[in-house]
Amino acid sequence: MDTNAIAAVLGGTPRAAAAAIRIAETLDDYELPRASQEQLRNIARISPRQAATLFNAIGLAALMATPMKRGQRFSNSRDIFTRYAPRYYTVDREHFVVLLLDSKNALIRENLISVGSLSTSVVHPREVFRPAVQDSAAAVLFLHNHPSGDPTPSHEDRECTQRLFRSGKILGIRVLDHVVIGHDDFFSFADAGLLEIAE
């Protein structure tokens, strides 16, 4: 949760922005989720009600950033964005993750495939599908973040997705989607009809 998010929770006023800066200067990303309501109130010099609101918002963000549990399912691409966006909001490198799914599209586990640079993540089908084969996954779902905050897929993202989709076809493992996570929005290759093009 960055200073803009904190200020928005507190009301979006200049005073709220100043409170957010005080919190950011005092607590880092590790300490913020562990701060009590009283600590937030004293650091930011805000009312008990604002401190309670901020405390609850931080708790909700932490909950959404918690890894999915085995057997849980995603209803659509927005579910994925809602679940994973908080985890990657402040990350300054691209992370490429594969979600391994069973025949009912329930999660087996998630696997971090690579951590790249500021703008790219090197991904090879061999590394992506190895855990899927080991866990006998029936389907996979890919996601990666764009540290810039803009989820628009790059030319490399499109080529990578097509390559992975074709590899999945050869292996008999369904590729359900590739979701690119930005700060406030996301891009779904399945929703955009770009997985069909890969065929």
N, C-alpha and C. Protein backbone atom coordinates (compact mmCIF):
# COMPACT_ATOMS: atom_id res chain seq x y z
N MET A 1 0.86 -1.18 0.00
CA MET A 1 0.00 0.00 0.00
C MET A 1 0.89 1.24 0.00
N ASP A 2 0.87 2.03 -1.10
CA ASP A 2 1.75 3.18 -1.19
C ASP A 2 1.08 4.43 -0.61
N THR A 3 1.79 5.58 -0.69
CA THR A 3 1.27 6.79 -0.08
C THR A 3 -0.03 7.26 -0.74
N ASN A 4 -0.15 7.07 -2.06
CA ASN A 4 -1.39 7.47 -2.74
C ASN A 4 -2.57 6.65 -2.24
N ALA A 5 -2.34 5.34 -2.06
CA ALA A 5 -3.41 4.47 -1.57
C ALA A 5 -3.80 4.85 -0.14
N ILE A 6 -2.81 5.14 0.70
CA ILE A 6 -3.09 5.52 2.08
C ILE A 6 -3.88 6.82 2.12
N ALA A 7 -3.45 7.78 1.31
CA ALA A 7 -4.15 9.07 1.26
C ALA A 7 -5.59 8.88 0.79
N ALA A 8 -5.80 7.98 -0.18
CA ALA A 8 -7.15 7.74 -0.70
C ALA A 8 -8.03 7.14 0.38
N VAL A 9 -7.48 6.21 1.15
CA VAL A 9 -8.24 5.58 2.24
C VAL A 9 -8.63 6.62 3.28
N LEU A 10 -7.74 7.56 3.53
CA LEU A 10 -7.98 8.57 4.56
C LEU A 10 -8.83 9.75 4.07
N GLY A 11 -9.11 9.79 2.79
CA GLY A 11 -10.00 10.84 2.30
C GLY A 11 -9.49 11.65 1.13
N GLY A 12 -8.24 11.46 0.75
CA GLY A 12 -7.71 12.13 -0.43
C GLY A 12 -7.46 13.62 -0.29
N THR A 13 -7.43 14.15 0.91
CA THR A 13 -7.20 15.59 1.14
C THR A 13 -5.70 15.85 1.30
N PRO A 14 -5.27 17.13 1.23
CA PRO A 14 -3.86 17.46 1.48
C PRO A 14 -3.40 16.96 2.84
N ARG A 15 -4.29 17.03 3.83
CA ARG A 15 -3.93 16.54 5.16
C ARG A 15 -3.72 15.04 5.14
N ALA A 16 -4.56 14.33 4.36
CA ALA A 16 -4.41 12.88 4.25
C ALA A 16 -3.10 12.54 3.54
N ALA A 17 -2.74 13.33 2.54
CA ALA A 17 -1.48 13.10 1.83
C ALA A 17 -0.29 13.29 2.77
N ALA A 18 -0.37 14.30 3.61
CA ALA A 18 0.70 14.53 4.58
C ALA A 18 0.80 13.38 5.57
N ALA A 19 -0.37 12.84 5.98
CA ALA A 19 -0.38 11.69 6.89
C ALA A 19 0.25 10.48 6.22
N ALA A 20 -0.06 10.30 4.93
CA ALA A 20 0.49 9.16 4.20
C ALA A 20 2.01 9.25 4.12
N ILE A 21 2.52 10.46 3.90
CA ILE A 21 3.97 10.66 3.83
C ILE A 21 4.62 10.34 5.17
N ARG A 22 3.98 10.76 6.26
CA ARG A 22 4.52 10.47 7.59
C ARG A 22 4.61 8.96 7.83
N ILE A 23 3.56 8.24 7.40
CA ILE A 23 3.56 6.78 7.56
C ILE A 23 4.68 6.16 6.72
N ALA A 24 4.79 6.61 5.46
CA ALA A 24 5.80 6.06 4.56
C ALA A 24 7.21 6.31 5.07
N GLU A 25 7.44 7.45 5.69
CA GLU A 25 8.76 7.79 6.22
C GLU A 25 9.10 6.98 7.47
N THR A 26 8.07 6.52 8.17
CA THR A 26 8.29 5.83 9.44
C THR A 26 8.26 4.31 9.29
N LEU A 27 7.34 3.81 8.47
CA LEU A 27 7.17 2.36 8.32
C LEU A 27 7.50 1.92 6.91
N ASP A 28 8.24 0.83 6.75
CA ASP A 28 8.48 0.29 5.42
C ASP A 28 7.40 -0.73 5.08
N ASP A 29 7.51 -1.34 3.89
CA ASP A 29 6.48 -2.28 3.42
C ASP A 29 6.36 -3.50 4.33
N TYR A 30 7.44 -3.84 5.03
CA TYR A 30 7.40 -4.99 5.93
C TYR A 30 6.68 -4.65 7.23
N GLU A 31 6.91 -3.44 7.74
CA GLU A 31 6.36 -3.06 9.04
C GLU A 31 4.90 -2.62 8.96
N LEU A 32 4.49 -2.04 7.83
CA LEU A 32 3.15 -1.47 7.71
C LEU A 32 2.04 -2.46 8.04
N PRO A 33 2.05 -3.69 7.49
CA PRO A 33 0.96 -4.63 7.81
C PRO A 33 0.95 -5.07 9.28
N ARG A 34 2.05 -4.83 9.99
CA ARG A 34 2.14 -5.26 11.37
C ARG A 34 1.86 -4.13 12.36
N ALA A 35 1.59 -2.95 11.85
CA ALA A 35 1.33 -1.80 12.73
C ALA A 35 -0.06 -1.91 13.35
N SER A 36 -0.16 -1.51 14.61
CA SER A 36 -1.45 -1.50 15.29
C SER A 36 -2.21 -0.22 14.94
N GLN A 37 -3.49 -0.19 15.27
CA GLN A 37 -4.28 1.02 15.03
C GLN A 37 -3.67 2.20 15.79
N GLU A 38 -3.22 1.95 17.00
CA GLU A 38 -2.67 3.02 17.81
C GLU A 38 -1.37 3.56 17.20
N GLN A 39 -0.55 2.65 16.67
CA GLN A 39 0.68 3.09 16.01
C GLN A 39 0.38 3.94 14.79
N LEU A 40 -0.58 3.49 13.98
CA LEU A 40 -0.96 4.26 12.80
C LEU A 40 -1.48 5.64 13.20
N ARG A 41 -2.27 5.67 14.23
CA ARG A 41 -2.85 6.94 14.69
C ARG A 41 -1.75 7.90 15.17
N ASN A 42 -0.80 7.38 15.93
CA ASN A 42 0.25 8.24 16.46
C ASN A 42 1.23 8.71 15.38
N ILE A 43 1.58 7.81 14.48
CA ILE A 43 2.53 8.15 13.42
C ILE A 43 1.95 9.18 12.47
N ALA A 44 0.71 8.91 12.02
CA ALA A 44 0.09 9.78 11.02
C ALA A 44 -0.64 10.96 11.62
N ARG A 45 -0.83 10.93 12.94
CA ARG A 45 -1.58 11.99 13.62
C ARG A 45 -2.98 12.12 13.01
N ILE A 46 -3.69 10.99 13.00
CA ILE A 46 -5.04 10.93 12.45
C ILE A 46 -6.01 10.52 13.56
N SER A 47 -7.30 10.63 13.26
CA SER A 47 -8.33 10.32 14.25
C SER A 47 -8.43 8.81 14.47
N PRO A 48 -9.01 8.39 15.60
CA PRO A 48 -9.21 6.95 15.83
C PRO A 48 -10.01 6.29 14.72
N ARG A 49 -11.00 7.01 14.21
CA ARG A 49 -11.83 6.45 13.13
C ARG A 49 -11.01 6.25 11.86
N GLN A 50 -10.18 7.24 11.51
CA GLN A 50 -9.33 7.09 10.32
C GLN A 50 -8.32 5.97 10.52
N ALA A 51 -7.78 5.87 11.73
CA ALA A 51 -6.81 4.81 12.01
C ALA A 51 -7.46 3.44 11.86
N ALA A 52 -8.69 3.31 12.31
CA ALA A 52 -9.41 2.03 12.19
C ALA A 52 -9.67 1.70 10.72
N THR A 53 -10.06 2.71 9.94
CA THR A 53 -10.31 2.50 8.51
C THR A 53 -9.05 2.07 7.80
N LEU A 54 -7.94 2.76 8.09
CA LEU A 54 -6.67 2.42 7.46
C LEU A 54 -6.20 1.03 7.88
N PHE A 55 -6.35 0.72 9.15
CA PHE A 55 -5.95 -0.60 9.67
C PHE A 55 -6.71 -1.71 8.95
N ASN A 56 -8.01 -1.53 8.77
CA ASN A 56 -8.83 -2.53 8.08
C ASN A 56 -8.46 -2.65 6.61
N ALA A 57 -8.15 -1.52 5.98
CA ALA A 57 -7.76 -1.53 4.56
C ALA A 57 -6.44 -2.27 4.38
N ILE A 58 -5.50 -2.05 5.29
CA ILE A 58 -4.21 -2.74 5.22
C ILE A 58 -4.42 -4.24 5.41
N GLY A 59 -5.31 -4.60 6.34
CA GLY A 59 -5.60 -6.01 6.57
C GLY A 59 -6.21 -6.68 5.35
N LEU A 60 -7.12 -5.96 4.67
CA LEU A 60 -7.74 -6.49 3.46
C LEU A 60 -6.71 -6.67 2.35
N ALA A 61 -5.83 -5.69 2.20
CA ALA A 61 -4.78 -5.78 1.18
C ALA A 61 -3.87 -6.98 1.45
N ALA A 62 -3.53 -7.20 2.71
CA ALA A 62 -2.68 -8.34 3.07
C ALA A 62 -3.38 -9.66 2.78
N LEU A 63 -4.69 -9.70 3.04
CA LEU A 63 -5.46 -10.92 2.79
C LEU A 63 -5.47 -11.24 1.30
N MET A 64 -5.68 -10.22 0.46
CA MET A 64 -5.73 -10.45 -0.98
C MET A 64 -4.37 -10.86 -1.52
N ALA A 65 -3.30 -10.44 -0.83
CA ALA A 65 -1.95 -10.78 -1.29
C ALA A 65 -1.52 -12.17 -0.82
N THR A 66 -2.32 -12.80 0.01
CA THR A 66 -1.99 -14.13 0.51
C THR A 66 -2.09 -15.15 -0.62
N PRO A 67 -1.11 -16.04 -0.73
CA PRO A 67 -1.17 -17.05 -1.80
C PRO A 67 -2.47 -17.86 -1.75
N MET A 68 -2.93 -18.24 -2.93
CA MET A 68 -4.12 -19.06 -3.01
C MET A 68 -3.84 -20.44 -2.40
N LYS A 69 -4.88 -21.06 -1.87
CA LYS A 69 -4.73 -22.37 -1.27
C LYS A 69 -5.12 -23.46 -2.27
N ARG A 70 -4.56 -24.63 -2.08
CA ARG A 70 -4.87 -25.76 -2.94
C ARG A 70 -6.38 -26.01 -2.96
N GLY A 71 -6.93 -26.21 -4.14
CA GLY A 71 -8.35 -26.49 -4.28
C GLY A 71 -9.20 -25.26 -4.57
N GLN A 72 -8.64 -24.05 -4.38
CA GLN A 72 -9.40 -22.84 -4.67
C GLN A 72 -9.47 -22.62 -6.18
N ARG A 73 -10.49 -21.90 -6.60
CA ARG A 73 -10.69 -21.65 -8.03
C ARG A 73 -10.82 -20.17 -8.32
N PHE A 74 -10.55 -19.83 -9.57
CA PHE A 74 -10.76 -18.47 -10.07
C PHE A 74 -11.99 -18.47 -10.96
N SER A 75 -12.84 -17.46 -10.80
CA SER A 75 -14.03 -17.37 -11.63
C SER A 75 -13.73 -16.73 -12.97
N ASN A 76 -12.84 -15.74 -12.97
CA ASN A 76 -12.52 -15.00 -14.19
C ASN A 76 -11.19 -14.28 -14.02
N SER A 77 -10.79 -13.57 -15.06
CA SER A 77 -9.49 -12.89 -15.03
C SER A 77 -9.44 -11.78 -13.98
N ARG A 78 -10.59 -11.15 -13.71
CA ARG A 78 -10.59 -10.10 -12.68
C ARG A 78 -10.32 -10.68 -11.30
N ASP A 79 -10.75 -11.91 -11.06
CA ASP A 79 -10.43 -12.58 -9.80
C ASP A 79 -8.92 -12.67 -9.61
N ILE A 80 -8.23 -13.00 -10.69
CA ILE A 80 -6.78 -13.13 -10.62
C ILE A 80 -6.15 -11.77 -10.32
N PHE A 81 -6.61 -10.75 -11.02
CA PHE A 81 -6.07 -9.40 -10.79
C PHE A 81 -6.31 -8.96 -9.35
N THR A 82 -7.54 -9.16 -8.87
CA THR A 82 -7.88 -8.75 -7.50
C THR A 82 -7.02 -9.47 -6.48
N ARG A 83 -6.74 -10.73 -6.75
CA ARG A 83 -5.98 -11.54 -5.80
C ARG A 83 -4.49 -11.20 -5.80
N TYR A 84 -3.94 -10.96 -6.99
CA TYR A 84 -2.49 -10.82 -7.10
C TYR A 84 -1.97 -9.39 -7.22
N ALA A 85 -2.81 -8.45 -7.60
CA ALA A 85 -2.33 -7.07 -7.76
C ALA A 85 -1.68 -6.50 -6.51
N PRO A 86 -2.27 -6.71 -5.31
CA PRO A 86 -1.62 -6.14 -4.11
C PRO A 86 -0.21 -6.67 -3.88
N ARG A 87 0.02 -7.92 -4.26
CA ARG A 87 1.33 -8.52 -4.04
C ARG A 87 2.41 -7.85 -4.89
N TYR A 88 2.04 -7.40 -6.08
CA TYR A 88 3.03 -6.87 -7.01
C TYR A 88 2.98 -5.35 -7.17
N TYR A 89 2.17 -4.69 -6.37
CA TYR A 89 1.98 -3.24 -6.54
C TYR A 89 3.29 -2.47 -6.39
N THR A 90 4.12 -2.84 -5.45
CA THR A 90 5.35 -2.09 -5.20
C THR A 90 6.61 -2.81 -5.69
N VAL A 91 6.44 -3.93 -6.39
CA VAL A 91 7.58 -4.70 -6.88
C VAL A 91 8.19 -4.01 -8.09
N ASP A 92 9.52 -3.93 -8.13
CA ASP A 92 10.18 -3.20 -9.22
C ASP A 92 10.80 -4.12 -10.27
N ARG A 93 10.45 -5.39 -10.24
CA ARG A 93 10.91 -6.35 -11.26
C ARG A 93 9.72 -7.17 -11.73
N GLU A 94 9.82 -7.64 -12.98
CA GLU A 94 8.77 -8.51 -13.49
C GLU A 94 8.88 -9.90 -12.86
N HIS A 95 7.74 -10.42 -12.42
CA HIS A 95 7.67 -11.78 -11.88
C HIS A 95 6.71 -12.58 -12.77
N PHE A 96 7.16 -13.73 -13.22
CA PHE A 96 6.31 -14.59 -14.06
C PHE A 96 5.92 -15.81 -13.23
N VAL A 97 4.62 -16.01 -13.09
CA VAL A 97 4.07 -17.08 -12.24
C VAL A 97 3.17 -17.99 -13.06
N VAL A 98 3.27 -19.29 -12.80
CA VAL A 98 2.33 -20.23 -13.41
C VAL A 98 1.48 -20.84 -12.31
N LEU A 99 0.18 -20.85 -12.53
CA LEU A 99 -0.76 -21.49 -11.61
C LEU A 99 -1.11 -22.85 -12.20
N LEU A 100 -0.84 -23.90 -11.44
CA LEU A 100 -1.10 -25.25 -11.89
C LEU A 100 -2.50 -25.66 -11.44
N LEU A 101 -3.31 -26.16 -12.38
CA LEU A 101 -4.71 -26.48 -12.10
C LEU A 101 -5.01 -27.93 -12.42
N ASP A 102 -5.98 -28.49 -11.68
CA ASP A 102 -6.39 -29.86 -11.95
C ASP A 102 -7.47 -29.89 -13.02
N SER A 103 -8.07 -31.06 -13.24
CA SER A 103 -9.06 -31.21 -14.31
C SER A 103 -10.33 -30.40 -14.07
N LYS A 104 -10.56 -29.96 -12.82
CA LYS A 104 -11.71 -29.13 -12.50
C LYS A 104 -11.33 -27.65 -12.37
N ASN A 105 -10.15 -27.33 -12.84
CA ASN A 105 -9.62 -25.95 -12.79
C ASN A 105 -9.43 -25.44 -11.35
N ALA A 106 -9.22 -26.36 -10.42
CA ALA A 106 -8.90 -25.98 -9.05
C ALA A 106 -7.39 -25.93 -8.90
N LEU A 107 -6.92 -25.02 -8.07
CA LEU A 107 -5.49 -24.81 -7.93
C LEU A 107 -4.79 -26.00 -7.27
N ILE A 108 -3.73 -26.45 -7.91
CA ILE A 108 -2.83 -27.43 -7.30
C ILE A 108 -1.77 -26.67 -6.50
N ARG A 109 -1.11 -25.74 -7.17
CA ARG A 109 -0.16 -24.84 -6.51
C ARG A 109 0.26 -23.76 -7.49
N GLU A 110 0.91 -22.72 -6.98
CA GLU A 110 1.47 -21.70 -7.84
C GLU A 110 2.98 -21.85 -7.83
N ASN A 111 3.60 -21.46 -8.94
CA ASN A 111 5.04 -21.62 -9.06
C ASN A 111 5.65 -20.37 -9.70
N LEU A 112 6.60 -19.76 -9.00
CA LEU A 112 7.32 -18.61 -9.56
C LEU A 112 8.37 -19.14 -10.54
N ILE A 113 8.24 -18.73 -11.79
CA ILE A 113 9.13 -19.23 -12.83
C ILE A 113 10.37 -18.35 -12.99
N SER A 114 10.17 -17.05 -12.98
CA SER A 114 11.33 -16.17 -13.15
C SER A 114 11.07 -14.79 -12.59
N VAL A 115 12.16 -14.13 -12.20
CA VAL A 115 12.16 -12.73 -11.81
C VAL A 115 13.09 -12.03 -12.78
N GLY A 116 12.54 -11.06 -13.51
CA GLY A 116 13.30 -10.43 -14.57
C GLY A 116 13.84 -9.07 -14.21
N SER A 117 13.92 -8.22 -15.22
CA SER A 117 14.45 -6.87 -15.07
C SER A 117 13.29 -5.91 -14.82
N LEU A 118 13.55 -4.63 -15.01
CA LEU A 118 12.51 -3.62 -14.83
C LEU A 118 11.39 -3.78 -15.85
N SER A 119 11.70 -4.33 -17.01
CA SER A 119 10.69 -4.37 -18.06
C SER A 119 10.52 -5.73 -18.73
N THR A 120 11.37 -6.70 -18.42
CA THR A 120 11.24 -8.00 -19.07
C THR A 120 11.48 -9.14 -18.09
N SER A 121 10.95 -10.28 -18.44
CA SER A 121 11.16 -11.49 -17.66
C SER A 121 11.42 -12.62 -18.65
N VAL A 122 12.59 -13.26 -18.53
CA VAL A 122 12.95 -14.31 -19.47
C VAL A 122 12.21 -15.59 -19.08
N VAL A 123 11.43 -16.11 -20.02
CA VAL A 123 10.61 -17.30 -19.76
C VAL A 123 10.81 -18.31 -20.88
N HIS A 124 11.09 -19.55 -20.50
CA HIS A 124 11.26 -20.61 -21.49
C HIS A 124 10.22 -21.70 -21.22
N PRO A 125 9.60 -22.25 -22.27
CA PRO A 125 8.58 -23.29 -22.07
C PRO A 125 9.05 -24.45 -21.20
N ARG A 126 10.33 -24.78 -21.28
CA ARG A 126 10.85 -25.90 -20.49
C ARG A 126 10.66 -25.66 -18.99
N GLU A 127 11.02 -24.43 -18.53
CA GLU A 127 10.87 -24.09 -17.11
C GLU A 127 9.40 -23.93 -16.71
N VAL A 128 8.61 -23.41 -17.64
CA VAL A 128 7.20 -23.16 -17.34
C VAL A 128 6.42 -24.46 -17.17
N PHE A 129 6.66 -25.43 -18.05
CA PHE A 129 5.85 -26.64 -18.03
C PHE A 129 6.44 -27.77 -17.20
N ARG A 130 7.67 -27.64 -16.75
CA ARG A 130 8.26 -28.70 -15.92
C ARG A 130 7.43 -28.96 -14.66
N PRO A 131 7.08 -27.92 -13.87
CA PRO A 131 6.26 -28.20 -12.68
C PRO A 131 4.86 -28.71 -13.03
N ALA A 132 4.33 -28.28 -14.19
CA ALA A 132 3.00 -28.75 -14.60
C ALA A 132 3.03 -30.25 -14.89
N VAL A 133 4.10 -30.70 -15.54
CA VAL A 133 4.24 -32.13 -15.84
C VAL A 133 4.47 -32.91 -14.55
N GLN A 134 5.33 -32.39 -13.66
CA GLN A 134 5.63 -33.07 -12.40
C GLN A 134 4.38 -33.25 -11.54
N ASP A 135 3.49 -32.22 -11.55
CA ASP A 135 2.29 -32.27 -10.71
C ASP A 135 1.07 -32.81 -11.45
N SER A 136 1.29 -33.30 -12.68
CA SER A 136 0.19 -33.83 -13.51
C SER A 136 -0.95 -32.83 -13.64
N ALA A 137 -0.60 -31.57 -13.87
CA ALA A 137 -1.61 -30.52 -14.04
C ALA A 137 -2.36 -30.72 -15.35
N ALA A 138 -3.67 -30.49 -15.31
CA ALA A 138 -4.48 -30.60 -16.52
C ALA A 138 -4.51 -29.28 -17.28
N ALA A 139 -4.28 -28.19 -16.55
CA ALA A 139 -4.32 -26.86 -17.16
C ALA A 139 -3.38 -25.93 -16.41
N VAL A 140 -3.03 -24.84 -17.04
CA VAL A 140 -2.19 -23.83 -16.42
C VAL A 140 -2.75 -22.44 -16.72
N LEU A 141 -2.37 -21.54 -15.88
CA LEU A 141 -2.77 -20.15 -16.05
C LEU A 141 -1.54 -19.30 -15.73
N PHE A 142 -1.17 -18.41 -16.63
CA PHE A 142 0.03 -17.60 -16.43
C PHE A 142 -0.34 -16.20 -15.96
N LEU A 143 0.55 -15.61 -15.18
CA LEU A 143 0.40 -14.20 -14.85
C LEU A 143 1.78 -13.59 -14.65
N HIS A 144 1.89 -12.33 -15.01
CA HIS A 144 3.10 -11.60 -14.68
C HIS A 144 2.74 -10.13 -14.51
N ASN A 145 3.57 -9.42 -13.78
CA ASN A 145 3.32 -8.02 -13.48
C ASN A 145 4.15 -7.11 -14.37
N HIS A 146 3.65 -5.90 -14.57
CA HIS A 146 4.41 -4.84 -15.23
C HIS A 146 4.73 -3.78 -14.19
N PRO A 147 5.97 -3.66 -13.76
CA PRO A 147 6.34 -2.67 -12.75
C PRO A 147 5.98 -1.24 -13.12
N SER A 148 5.87 -0.96 -14.42
CA SER A 148 5.50 0.38 -14.87
C SER A 148 4.08 0.74 -14.47
N GLY A 149 3.26 -0.30 -14.20
CA GLY A 149 1.87 -0.07 -13.85
C GLY A 149 0.93 -0.18 -15.03
N ASP A 150 1.48 -0.17 -16.26
CA ASP A 150 0.68 -0.27 -17.48
C ASP A 150 0.61 -1.74 -17.90
N PRO A 151 -0.59 -2.34 -17.90
CA PRO A 151 -0.70 -3.77 -18.21
C PRO A 151 -0.70 -4.11 -19.70
N THR A 152 -0.58 -3.11 -20.56
CA THR A 152 -0.59 -3.38 -22.00
C THR A 152 0.52 -4.36 -22.36
N PRO A 153 0.18 -5.48 -22.99
CA PRO A 153 1.22 -6.48 -23.29
C PRO A 153 2.19 -5.98 -24.36
N SER A 154 3.46 -6.28 -24.15
CA SER A 154 4.48 -5.91 -25.12
C SER A 154 4.49 -6.92 -26.26
N HIS A 155 5.26 -6.62 -27.29
CA HIS A 155 5.42 -7.56 -28.39
C HIS A 155 6.01 -8.87 -27.87
N GLU A 156 6.96 -8.77 -26.94
CA GLU A 156 7.57 -9.96 -26.35
C GLU A 156 6.55 -10.77 -25.55
N ASP A 157 5.64 -10.07 -24.84
CA ASP A 157 4.59 -10.76 -24.09
C ASP A 157 3.71 -11.58 -25.03
N ARG A 158 3.38 -10.99 -26.16
CA ARG A 158 2.51 -11.67 -27.13
C ARG A 158 3.20 -12.90 -27.72
N GLU A 159 4.47 -12.73 -28.09
CA GLU A 159 5.22 -13.85 -28.65
C GLU A 159 5.39 -14.97 -27.63
N CYS A 160 5.69 -14.59 -26.39
CA CYS A 160 5.86 -15.56 -25.32
C CYS A 160 4.58 -16.35 -25.09
N THR A 161 3.45 -15.64 -25.06
CA THR A 161 2.16 -16.30 -24.83
C THR A 161 1.84 -17.29 -25.94
N GLN A 162 2.08 -16.91 -27.18
CA GLN A 162 1.83 -17.81 -28.30
C GLN A 162 2.72 -19.05 -28.22
N ARG A 163 3.99 -18.82 -27.87
CA ARG A 163 4.93 -19.94 -27.76
C ARG A 163 4.49 -20.91 -26.66
N LEU A 164 4.08 -20.35 -25.52
CA LEU A 164 3.64 -21.19 -24.41
C LEU A 164 2.34 -21.92 -24.72
N PHE A 165 1.43 -21.24 -25.41
CA PHE A 165 0.16 -21.86 -25.77
C PHE A 165 0.41 -23.07 -26.68
N ARG A 166 1.29 -22.88 -27.67
CA ARG A 166 1.60 -23.98 -28.59
C ARG A 166 2.29 -25.14 -27.86
N SER A 167 3.15 -24.81 -26.92
CA SER A 167 3.84 -25.84 -26.13
C SER A 167 2.83 -26.63 -25.30
N GLY A 168 1.86 -25.92 -24.72
CA GLY A 168 0.83 -26.59 -23.94
C GLY A 168 0.00 -27.54 -24.79
N LYS A 169 -0.28 -27.15 -26.02
CA LYS A 169 -1.04 -28.01 -26.93
C LYS A 169 -0.28 -29.31 -27.19
N ILE A 170 1.02 -29.19 -27.40
CA ILE A 170 1.84 -30.36 -27.67
C ILE A 170 1.85 -31.31 -26.46
N LEU A 171 1.91 -30.72 -25.27
CA LEU A 171 1.98 -31.52 -24.04
C LEU A 171 0.61 -32.00 -23.55
N GLY A 172 -0.45 -31.48 -24.15
CA GLY A 172 -1.80 -31.85 -23.70
C GLY A 172 -2.20 -31.15 -22.42
N ILE A 173 -1.61 -29.98 -22.19
CA ILE A 173 -1.94 -29.18 -21.00
C ILE A 173 -2.61 -27.89 -21.47
N ARG A 174 -3.85 -27.66 -21.04
CA ARG A 174 -4.59 -26.49 -21.48
C ARG A 174 -4.03 -25.20 -20.88
N VAL A 175 -3.84 -24.20 -21.72
CA VAL A 175 -3.45 -22.87 -21.26
C VAL A 175 -4.73 -22.04 -21.22
N LEU A 176 -5.20 -21.72 -20.01
CA LEU A 176 -6.48 -21.03 -19.86
C LEU A 176 -6.38 -19.53 -20.06
N ASP A 177 -5.26 -18.94 -19.66
CA ASP A 177 -5.14 -17.48 -19.79
C ASP A 177 -3.72 -17.06 -19.44
N HIS A 178 -3.40 -15.85 -19.84
CA HIS A 178 -2.17 -15.17 -19.42
C HIS A 178 -2.62 -13.77 -19.02
N VAL A 179 -2.51 -13.45 -17.75
CA VAL A 179 -2.97 -12.17 -17.22
C VAL A 179 -1.77 -11.29 -16.90
N VAL A 180 -1.77 -10.09 -17.47
CA VAL A 180 -0.73 -9.11 -17.20
C VAL A 180 -1.28 -8.13 -16.17
N ILE A 181 -0.59 -8.02 -15.04
CA ILE A 181 -1.07 -7.21 -13.93
C ILE A 181 -0.40 -5.85 -13.90
N GLY A 182 -1.21 -4.80 -13.93
CA GLY A 182 -0.71 -3.45 -13.76
C GLY A 182 -1.08 -2.95 -12.38
N HIS A 183 -0.93 -1.65 -12.16
CA HIS A 183 -1.26 -1.09 -10.85
C HIS A 183 -2.76 -1.01 -10.62
N ASP A 184 -3.48 -0.50 -11.63
CA ASP A 184 -4.91 -0.27 -11.46
C ASP A 184 -5.77 -1.07 -12.43
N ASP A 185 -5.14 -1.81 -13.30
CA ASP A 185 -5.90 -2.55 -14.31
C ASP A 185 -5.08 -3.77 -14.73
N PHE A 186 -5.66 -4.57 -15.61
CA PHE A 186 -4.99 -5.79 -16.06
C PHE A 186 -5.33 -6.05 -17.51
N PHE A 187 -4.59 -6.97 -18.13
CA PHE A 187 -4.88 -7.40 -19.49
C PHE A 187 -4.95 -8.91 -19.50
N SER A 188 -6.03 -9.44 -20.08
CA SER A 188 -6.23 -10.89 -20.18
C SER A 188 -6.15 -11.31 -21.64
N PHE A 189 -5.22 -12.20 -21.96
CA PHE A 189 -5.11 -12.70 -23.33
C PHE A 189 -6.36 -13.49 -23.72
N ALA A 190 -6.95 -14.21 -22.77
CA ALA A 190 -8.16 -14.99 -23.08
C ALA A 190 -9.33 -14.05 -23.36
N ASP A 191 -9.50 -13.04 -22.51
CA ASP A 191 -10.61 -12.10 -22.69
C ASP A 191 -10.48 -11.36 -24.02
N ALA A 192 -9.24 -11.10 -24.43
CA ALA A 192 -9.02 -10.36 -25.68
C ALA A 192 -9.08 -11.28 -26.90
N GLY A 193 -9.29 -12.59 -26.70
CA GLY A 193 -9.38 -13.53 -27.81
C GLY A 193 -8.04 -13.83 -28.46
N LEU A 194 -6.93 -13.57 -27.73
CA LEU A 194 -5.61 -13.76 -28.33
C LEU A 194 -5.06 -15.16 -28.16
N LEU A 195 -5.69 -15.99 -27.32
CA LEU A 195 -5.25 -17.37 -27.21
C LEU A 195 -5.67 -18.15 -28.45
N GLU A 196 -6.86 -17.83 -28.97
CA GLU A 196 -7.33 -18.50 -30.17
C GLU A 196 -6.41 -18.22 -31.35
N ILE A 197 -5.88 -16.98 -31.39
CA ILE A 197 -4.98 -16.59 -32.48
C ILE A 197 -3.72 -17.46 -32.44
N ALA A 198 -3.31 -17.82 -31.22
CA ALA A 198 -2.09 -18.61 -31.07
C ALA A 198 -2.21 -20.00 -31.68
N GLU A 199 -3.45 -20.47 -31.86
CA GLU A 199 -3.65 -21.80 -32.44
C GLU A 199 -3.27 -21.79 -33.92
